C-alpha atoms as a PDB file:
ATOM      1  CA  MET A   1       0.000   0.000   0.000  1.00  0.00           C
ATOM      2  CA  GLY A   2       1.149   3.575  -0.651  1.00  0.00           C
ATOM      3  CA  GLU A   3       1.731   6.525   1.626  1.00  0.00           C
ATOM      4  CA  LYS A   4      -1.968   7.310   2.091  1.00  0.00           C
ATOM      5  CA  ASP A   5      -3.207   8.078   5.598  1.00  0.00           C
ATOM      6  CA  TYR A   6      -4.789   4.891   6.925  1.00  0.00           C
ATOM      7  CA  ALA A   7      -5.367   6.120  10.479  1.00  0.00           C
ATOM      8  CA  PRO A   8      -6.417   4.689  12.888  1.00  0.00           C
ATOM      9  CA  LEU A   9      -4.273   1.850  11.489  1.00  0.00           C
ATOM     10  CA  SER A  10      -0.585   2.159  12.294  1.00  0.00           C
ATOM     11  CA  ALA A  11       1.947   2.090   9.467  1.00  0.00           C
ATOM     12  CA  ALA A  12       3.200  -1.268  10.768  1.00  0.00           C
ATOM     13  CA  CYS A  13      -0.327  -2.686  10.770  1.00  0.00           C
ATOM     14  CA  VAL A  14      -0.890  -1.512   7.179  1.00  0.00           C
ATOM     15  CA  ARG A  15       2.340  -3.199   6.047  1.00  0.00           C
ATOM     16  CA  ALA A  16       1.524  -6.424   7.889  1.00  0.00           C
ATOM     17  CA  LEU A  17      -2.005  -6.490   6.501  1.00  0.00           C
ATOM     18  CA  SER A  18      -0.559  -6.490   2.955  1.00  0.00           C
ATOM     19  CA  ASP A  19       2.201  -8.994   3.663  1.00  0.00           C
ATOM     20  CA  LYS A  20       2.447 -12.179   1.609  1.00  0.00           C
ATOM     21  CA  LEU A  21       2.705 -14.236   4.817  1.00  0.00           C
ATOM     22  CA  TYR A  22      -0.613 -15.268   6.359  1.00  0.00           C
ATOM     23  CA  GLU A  23       0.743 -15.086   9.924  1.00  0.00           C
ATOM     24  CA  LYS A  24       1.631 -11.415   9.535  1.00  0.00           C
ATOM     25  CA  ARG A  25      -1.802 -10.611   8.132  1.00  0.00           C
ATOM     26  CA  LYS A  26      -3.380 -12.571  11.011  1.00  0.00           C
ATOM     27  CA  THR A  27      -1.372 -10.569  13.565  1.00  0.00           C
ATOM     28  CA  ALA A  28      -2.551  -7.336  11.958  1.00  0.00           C
ATOM     29  CA  ALA A  29      -6.161  -8.568  12.058  1.00  0.00           C
ATOM     30  CA  LEU A  30      -5.835  -9.284  15.790  1.00  0.00           C
ATOM     31  CA  GLU A  31      -4.607  -5.709  16.270  1.00  0.00           C
ATOM     32  CA  ILE A  32      -7.669  -4.468  14.372  1.00  0.00           C
ATOM     33  CA  GLU A  33      -9.936  -6.691  16.469  1.00  0.00           C
ATOM     34  CA  LYS A  34      -8.563  -5.202  19.700  1.00  0.00           C
ATOM     35  CA  MET A  35      -8.861  -1.678  18.290  1.00  0.00           C
ATOM     36  CA  VAL A  36     -12.490  -2.184  17.314  1.00  0.00           C
ATOM     37  CA  LYS A  37     -13.365  -3.625  20.733  1.00  0.00           C
ATOM     38  CA  ASP A  38     -12.026  -0.386  22.223  1.00  0.00           C
ATOM     39  CA  PHE A  39     -14.109   1.664  19.762  1.00  0.00           C
ATOM     40  CA  VAL A  40     -17.245  -0.316  20.628  1.00  0.00           C
ATOM     41  CA  ALA A  41     -16.611   0.191  24.353  1.00  0.00           C
ATOM     42  CA  VAL A  42     -16.735   3.999  23.932  1.00  0.00           C
ATOM     43  CA  ASN A  43     -19.381   3.945  21.166  1.00  0.00           C
ATOM     44  CA  ASP A  44     -16.947   5.423  18.619  1.00  0.00           C
ATOM     45  CA  ALA A  45     -18.946   4.860  15.412  1.00  0.00           C
ATOM     46  CA  ILE A  46     -16.839   7.350  13.431  1.00  0.00           C
ATOM     47  CA  HIS A  47     -13.634   5.308  13.697  1.00  0.00           C
ATOM     48  CA  ILE A  48     -15.522   2.061  13.100  1.00  0.00           C
ATOM     49  CA  GLN A  49     -16.959   3.477   9.870  1.00  0.00           C
ATOM     50  CA  ARG A  50     -13.537   4.738   8.813  1.00  0.00           C
ATOM     51  CA  LEU A  51     -11.975   1.319   9.360  1.00  0.00           C
ATOM     52  CA  LEU A  52     -14.759  -0.344   7.375  1.00  0.00           C
ATOM     53  CA  LYS A  53     -14.099   2.045   4.503  1.00  0.00           C
ATOM     54  CA  ILE A  54     -10.314   1.528   4.605  1.00  0.00           C
ATOM     55  CA  LEU A  55     -10.593  -2.264   4.633  1.00  0.00           C
ATOM     56  CA  GLY A  56     -13.592  -2.562   2.303  1.00  0.00           C
ATOM     57  CA  LYS A  57     -12.441  -0.077  -0.331  1.00  0.00           C
ATOM     58  CA  ASP A  58      -8.710   0.614  -0.075  1.00  0.00           C
ATOM     59  CA  PHE A  59      -7.540  -2.903   0.773  1.00  0.00           C
ATOM     60  CA  ILE A  60     -10.155  -5.028  -0.986  1.00  0.00           C
ATOM     61  CA  GLY A  61     -10.057  -2.662  -3.962  1.00  0.00           C
ATOM     62  CA  SER A  62      -6.273  -3.022  -4.236  1.00  0.00           C
ATOM     63  CA  HIS A  63      -4.530  -4.549  -7.261  1.00  0.00           C
ATOM     64  CA  ASN A  64      -2.296  -6.443  -4.827  1.00  0.00           C
ATOM     65  CA  PRO A  65      -3.903  -9.826  -3.959  1.00  0.00           C
ATOM     66  CA  HIS A  66      -2.156  -9.880  -0.569  1.00  0.00           C
ATOM     67  CA  SER A  67      -3.775  -6.534   0.286  1.00  0.00           C
ATOM     68  CA  ARG A  68      -7.158  -7.957  -0.721  1.00  0.00           C
ATOM     69  CA  LYS A  69      -6.539 -10.929   1.570  1.00  0.00           C
ATOM     70  CA  GLY A  70      -5.581  -8.491   4.330  1.00  0.00           C
ATOM     71  CA  GLY A  71      -8.787  -6.535   3.822  1.00  0.00           C
ATOM     72  CA  LEU A  72     -10.799  -9.745   4.120  1.00  0.00           C
ATOM     73  CA  ILE A  73      -9.188 -10.967   7.334  1.00  0.00           C
ATOM     74  CA  GLY A  74      -9.423  -7.434   8.711  1.00  0.00           C
ATOM     75  CA  LEU A  75     -13.187  -7.304   8.098  1.00  0.00           C
ATOM     76  CA  ALA A  76     -13.579 -10.721   9.738  1.00  0.00           C
ATOM     77  CA  GLY A  77     -11.658  -9.411  12.751  1.00  0.00           C
ATOM     78  CA  MET A  78     -13.924  -6.381  12.888  1.00  0.00           C
ATOM     79  CA  ALA A  79     -17.035  -8.584  12.911  1.00  0.00           C
ATOM     80  CA  ILE A  80     -15.660 -10.652  15.802  1.00  0.00           C
ATOM     81  CA  ALA A  81     -14.949  -7.470  17.759  1.00  0.00           C
ATOM     82  CA  LEU A  82     -18.312  -5.879  16.955  1.00  0.00           C
ATOM     83  CA  GLY A  83     -20.278  -8.861  18.245  1.00  0.00           C
ATOM     84  CA  LYS A  84     -23.980  -8.016  18.378  1.00  0.00           C
ATOM     85  CA  GLU A  85     -23.178  -4.627  16.836  1.00  0.00           C
ATOM     86  CA  THR A  86     -22.489  -6.341  13.494  1.00  0.00           C
ATOM     87  CA  ALA A  87     -26.168  -5.814  12.645  1.00  0.00           C
ATOM     88  CA  THR A  88     -25.535  -2.056  12.474  1.00  0.00           C
ATOM     89  CA  TYR A  89     -22.695  -2.461   9.968  1.00  0.00           C
ATOM     90  CA  ILE A  90     -23.775  -5.620   8.155  1.00  0.00           C
ATOM     91  CA  GLU A  91     -23.815  -4.121   4.646  1.00  0.00           C
ATOM     92  CA  GLU A  92     -20.362  -2.554   5.018  1.00  0.00           C
ATOM     93  CA  LEU A  93     -19.005  -5.895   6.227  1.00  0.00           C
ATOM     94  CA  VAL A  94     -20.674  -8.228   3.725  1.00  0.00           C
ATOM     95  CA  HIS A  95     -20.696  -6.449   0.352  1.00  0.00           C
ATOM     96  CA  PRO A  96     -16.894  -5.984   0.027  1.00  0.00           C
ATOM     97  CA  ILE A  97     -16.425  -9.665   0.901  1.00  0.00           C
ATOM     98  CA  LEU A  98     -18.964 -10.777  -1.707  1.00  0.00           C
ATOM     99  CA  ASN A  99     -17.067  -8.750  -4.318  1.00  0.00           C
ATOM    100  CA  CYS A 100     -14.109 -11.078  -3.737  1.00  0.00           C
ATOM    101  CA  PHE A 101     -16.114 -14.207  -4.551  1.00  0.00           C
ATOM    102  CA  THR A 102     -15.336 -13.607  -8.227  1.00  0.00           C
ATOM    103  CA  ASP A 103     -11.687 -12.675  -7.686  1.00  0.00           C
ATOM    104  CA  PRO A 104      -9.307 -14.186 -10.296  1.00  0.00           C
ATOM    105  CA  ASP A 105      -7.017 -15.370  -7.475  1.00  0.00           C
ATOM    106  CA  SER A 106      -8.323 -18.625  -5.931  1.00  0.00           C
ATOM    107  CA  ARG A 107      -6.675 -17.846  -2.588  1.00  0.00           C
ATOM    108  CA  VAL A 108      -8.572 -14.559  -2.403  1.00  0.00           C
ATOM    109  CA  ARG A 109     -11.815 -16.434  -3.127  1.00  0.00           C
ATOM    110  CA  TYR A 110     -10.933 -18.917  -0.386  1.00  0.00           C
ATOM    111  CA  TYR A 111     -10.262 -16.174   2.153  1.00  0.00           C
ATOM    112  CA  ALA A 112     -13.472 -14.433   1.092  1.00  0.00           C
ATOM    113  CA  CYS A 113     -15.449 -17.570   2.042  1.00  0.00           C
ATOM    114  CA  GLU A 114     -13.569 -17.775   5.332  1.00  0.00           C
ATOM    115  CA  ALA A 115     -14.176 -14.090   6.092  1.00  0.00           C
ATOM    116  CA  LEU A 116     -17.884 -14.267   5.319  1.00  0.00           C
ATOM    117  CA  TYR A 117     -18.174 -17.432   7.425  1.00  0.00           C
ATOM    118  CA  ASN A 118     -16.799 -15.500  10.406  1.00  0.00           C
ATOM    119  CA  VAL A 119     -19.079 -12.524   9.770  1.00  0.00           C
ATOM    120  CA  VAL A 120     -22.150 -14.755   9.425  1.00  0.00           C
ATOM    121  CA  LYS A 121     -21.219 -16.803  12.507  1.00  0.00           C
ATOM    122  CA  VAL A 122     -21.255 -13.611  14.585  1.00  0.00           C
ATOM    123  CA  SER A 123     -24.205 -11.850  12.975  1.00  0.00           C
ATOM    124  CA  ARG A 124     -26.512 -14.908  12.663  1.00  0.00           C
ATOM    125  CA  GLY A 125     -30.063 -13.826  11.782  1.00  0.00           C
ATOM    126  CA  SER A 126     -29.196 -10.194  11.072  1.00  0.00           C
ATOM    127  CA  VAL A 127     -27.405 -11.321   7.897  1.00  0.00           C
ATOM    128  CA  LEU A 128     -30.723 -12.462   6.404  1.00  0.00           C
ATOM    129  CA  THR A 129     -31.445  -8.906   5.240  1.00  0.00           C
ATOM    130  CA  LEU A 130     -28.733  -9.614   2.640  1.00  0.00           C
ATOM    131  CA  PHE A 131     -29.737 -13.220   2.012  1.00  0.00           C
ATOM    132  CA  ASN A 132     -30.461 -12.860  -1.702  1.00  0.00           C
ATOM    133  CA  SER A 133     -27.083 -11.238  -2.370  1.00  0.00           C
ATOM    134  CA  ILE A 134     -25.299 -13.964  -0.414  1.00  0.00           C
ATOM    135  CA  PHE A 135     -27.289 -16.764  -2.054  1.00  0.00           C
ATOM    136  CA  ASP A 136     -26.587 -15.344  -5.504  1.00  0.00           C
ATOM    137  CA  ALA A 137     -22.848 -15.234  -4.765  1.00  0.00           C
ATOM    138  CA  LEU A 138     -22.898 -18.755  -3.310  1.00  0.00           C
ATOM    139  CA  SER A 139     -24.761 -20.157  -6.306  1.00  0.00           C
ATOM    140  CA  ARG A 140     -22.011 -18.892  -8.609  1.00  0.00           C
ATOM    141  CA  LEU A 141     -19.259 -20.122  -6.282  1.00  0.00           C
ATOM    142  CA  SER A 142     -20.768 -23.640  -6.090  1.00  0.00           C
ATOM    143  CA  ALA A 143     -19.074 -24.481  -9.387  1.00  0.00           C
ATOM    144  CA  ASP A 144     -15.634 -23.123  -8.436  1.00  0.00           C
ATOM    145  CA  PRO A 145     -12.837 -25.250  -9.937  1.00  0.00           C
ATOM    146  CA  ASP A 146     -10.555 -24.929  -6.894  1.00  0.00           C
ATOM    147  CA  GLN A 147     -11.058 -27.674  -4.269  1.00  0.00           C
ATOM    148  CA  ASN A 148      -9.990 -25.483  -1.333  1.00  0.00           C
ATOM    149  CA  VAL A 149     -12.526 -22.856  -2.357  1.00  0.00           C
ATOM    150  CA  LYS A 150     -15.177 -25.575  -2.657  1.00  0.00           C
ATOM    151  CA  ASN A 151     -14.424 -26.814   0.858  1.00  0.00           C
ATOM    152  CA  ALA A 152     -14.717 -23.292   2.271  1.00  0.00           C
ATOM    153  CA  PHE A 153     -17.895 -22.725   0.239  1.00  0.00           C
ATOM    154  CA  GLU A 154     -19.474 -25.891   1.673  1.00  0.00           C
ATOM    155  CA  MET A 155     -18.828 -24.773   5.263  1.00  0.00           C
ATOM    156  CA  LEU A 156     -20.319 -21.350   4.574  1.00  0.00           C
ATOM    157  CA  ASP A 157     -23.300 -22.850   2.759  1.00  0.00           C
ATOM    158  CA  ARG A 158     -24.050 -25.196   5.680  1.00  0.00           C
ATOM    159  CA  LEU A 159     -23.889 -22.283   8.114  1.00  0.00           C
ATOM    160  CA  MET A 160     -26.302 -20.228   6.000  1.00  0.00           C
ATOM    161  CA  GLN A 161     -28.713 -23.180   5.842  1.00  0.00           C
ATOM    162  CA  ASP A 162     -28.525 -23.559   9.626  1.00  0.00           C
ATOM    163  CA  ILE A 163     -29.318 -19.874  10.130  1.00  0.00           C
ATOM    164  CA  VAL A 164     -32.300 -19.985   7.773  1.00  0.00           C
ATOM    165  CA  THR A 165     -33.566 -23.133   9.498  1.00  0.00           C
ATOM    166  CA  GLU A 166     -33.437 -21.519  12.945  1.00  0.00           C
ATOM    167  CA  SER A 167     -34.853 -18.154  11.850  1.00  0.00           C
ATOM    168  CA  SER A 168     -38.470 -17.060  12.084  1.00  0.00           C
ATOM    169  CA  SER A 169     -37.904 -14.041   9.844  1.00  0.00           C
ATOM    170  CA  PHE A 170     -36.753 -15.607   6.568  1.00  0.00           C
ATOM    171  CA  ASP A 171     -38.480 -13.875   3.639  1.00  0.00           C
ATOM    172  CA  LEU A 172     -39.396 -16.748   1.326  1.00  0.00           C
ATOM    173  CA  VAL A 173     -41.536 -14.541  -0.919  1.00  0.00           C
ATOM    174  CA  ALA A 174     -38.590 -12.257  -1.666  1.00  0.00           C
ATOM    175  CA  PHE A 175     -36.354 -15.278  -2.278  1.00  0.00           C
ATOM    176  CA  MET A 176     -38.570 -17.132  -4.776  1.00  0.00           C
ATOM    177  CA  PRO A 177     -37.719 -15.034  -7.894  1.00  0.00           C
ATOM    178  CA  LEU A 178     -34.019 -15.736  -7.315  1.00  0.00           C
ATOM    179  CA  LEU A 179     -34.649 -19.456  -6.768  1.00  0.00           C
ATOM    180  CA  ARG A 180     -36.782 -19.572  -9.903  1.00  0.00           C
ATOM    181  CA  ASP A 181     -33.931 -18.023 -11.873  1.00  0.00           C
ATOM    182  CA  ARG A 182     -31.086 -20.122 -10.437  1.00  0.00           C
ATOM    183  CA  ILE A 183     -32.930 -23.446 -10.718  1.00  0.00           C
ATOM    184  CA  TYR A 184     -32.172 -23.482 -14.456  1.00  0.00           C
ATOM    185  CA  SER A 185     -28.427 -23.641 -13.838  1.00  0.00           C
ATOM    186  CA  ARG A 186     -26.645 -25.762 -16.436  1.00  0.00           C
ATOM    187  CA  ASN A 187     -23.854 -26.697 -14.054  1.00  0.00           C
ATOM    188  CA  THR A 188     -24.191 -29.952 -12.107  1.00  0.00           C
ATOM    189  CA  PHE A 189     -22.787 -28.424  -8.917  1.00  0.00           C
ATOM    190  CA  GLY A 190     -25.138 -25.475  -9.328  1.00  0.00           C
ATOM    191  CA  LYS A 191     -28.069 -27.878  -9.580  1.00  0.00           C
ATOM    192  CA  GLN A 192     -26.956 -29.774  -6.472  1.00  0.00           C
ATOM    193  CA  PHE A 193     -26.705 -26.460  -4.637  1.00  0.00           C
ATOM    194  CA  ILE A 194     -30.264 -25.498  -5.592  1.00  0.00           C
ATOM    195  CA  VAL A 195     -31.733 -28.900  -4.687  1.00  0.00           C
ATOM    196  CA  SER A 196     -30.017 -28.875  -1.286  1.00  0.00           C
ATOM    197  CA  TRP A 197     -31.606 -25.503  -0.524  1.00  0.00           C
ATOM    198  CA  ILE A 198     -35.077 -26.635  -1.615  1.00  0.00           C
ATOM    199  CA  LEU A 199     -34.758 -29.663   0.685  1.00  0.00           C
ATOM    200  CA  THR A 200     -33.537 -27.473   3.558  1.00  0.00           C
ATOM    201  CA  LEU A 201     -36.420 -25.020   3.172  1.00  0.00           C
ATOM    202  CA  ASP A 202     -38.905 -27.879   2.905  1.00  0.00           C
ATOM    203  CA  SER A 203     -37.620 -29.278   6.207  1.00  0.00           C
ATOM    204  CA  VAL A 204     -38.499 -26.089   8.124  1.00  0.00           C
ATOM    205  CA  PRO A 205     -41.876 -26.575   9.877  1.00  0.00           C
ATOM    206  CA  ASP A 206     -42.871 -22.912   9.506  1.00  0.00           C
ATOM    207  CA  ILE A 207     -42.232 -22.869   5.750  1.00  0.00           C
ATOM    208  CA  ASP A 208     -44.792 -24.362   3.370  1.00  0.00           C
ATOM    209  CA  MET A 209     -42.942 -24.972   0.117  1.00  0.00           C
ATOM    210  CA  LEU A 210     -46.040 -26.536  -1.494  1.00  0.00           C
ATOM    211  CA  ILE A 211     -47.566 -23.075  -1.834  1.00  0.00           C
ATOM    212  CA  PHE A 212     -44.654 -22.100  -4.071  1.00  0.00           C
ATOM    213  CA  LEU A 213     -44.350 -25.418  -5.917  1.00  0.00           C
ATOM    214  CA  PRO A 214     -45.685 -23.978  -9.230  1.00  0.00           C
ATOM    215  CA  GLU A 215     -42.835 -21.447  -9.076  1.00  0.00           C
ATOM    216  CA  PHE A 216     -40.077 -24.044  -9.326  1.00  0.00           C
ATOM    217  CA  LEU A 217     -41.694 -27.334 -10.429  1.00  0.00           C
ATOM    218  CA  ASP A 218     -40.641 -26.933 -14.054  1.00  0.00           C
ATOM    219  CA  GLY A 219     -37.069 -26.279 -12.944  1.00  0.00           C
ATOM    220  CA  MET A 220     -37.106 -29.407 -10.803  1.00  0.00           C
ATOM    221  CA  PHE A 221     -38.162 -31.493 -13.800  1.00  0.00           C
ATOM    222  CA  CYS A 222     -35.245 -30.009 -15.745  1.00  0.00           C
ATOM    223  CA  ILE A 223     -32.889 -31.036 -12.930  1.00  0.00           C
ATOM    224  CA  LEU A 224     -34.273 -34.596 -12.958  1.00  0.00           C
ATOM    225  CA  GLU A 225     -33.326 -34.815 -16.629  1.00  0.00           C
ATOM    226  CA  ASP A 226     -29.672 -34.372 -15.640  1.00  0.00           C
ATOM    227  CA  PRO A 227     -27.882 -37.717 -16.239  1.00  0.00           C
ATOM    228  CA  THR A 228     -25.523 -37.136 -13.300  1.00  0.00           C
ATOM    229  CA  VAL A 229     -25.969 -39.820 -10.647  1.00  0.00           C
ATOM    230  CA  GLU A 230     -25.293 -37.404  -7.780  1.00  0.00           C
ATOM    231  CA  ILE A 231     -28.286 -35.268  -8.787  1.00  0.00           C
ATOM    232  CA  LYS A 232     -30.700 -38.197  -8.792  1.00  0.00           C
ATOM    233  CA  LYS A 233     -29.578 -39.349  -5.360  1.00  0.00           C
ATOM    234  CA  TRP A 234     -31.382 -36.322  -3.975  1.00  0.00           C
END
């Protein structure tokens, strides 16, 4: 990173956050986590917003992949420090991370999954306001060619399914247009992703998927035409 003023981050923290070594970036993220806990304790929203902007725009918007990785782990550290306050800053935390789901560098995509997992684990139900954006990003990532990214994706996907299952505020009506669109995926992994979500939603006692069956029945028939054995096991 250049000579720009990144306060409240120290110059050493900025350098470490852009380092090629994971351990140095992790150390910088722990420094950010401690800093944010102090900001939360005195209700310093101004510095919290500034840090979100620095990490979400300057670091994640960098041409240097190590800086992007640093921005991701920094945002995850912020979410851990914010705790229940993540709900207030959920958009500023999630959207920059989602932008990295399509990064050309597979390691950045991997760390994006890891960062969002940590944000979602802390925020729980408050992340559902952004569910469609997250689901859309996950549906595209389900076909990622990198196995490490796939593993991280699967952990994040399971967590999102758990949160939807335990929530009483999931907006199924708002979700249906996106499901109807994604159900026609031509990719086998994309189809498996969609089917797993339909089964998860159908398992929730408070959700009546039969009401919406006409919305996605045609897409389900298209999936059943897929010759892949894994699809038909569902």
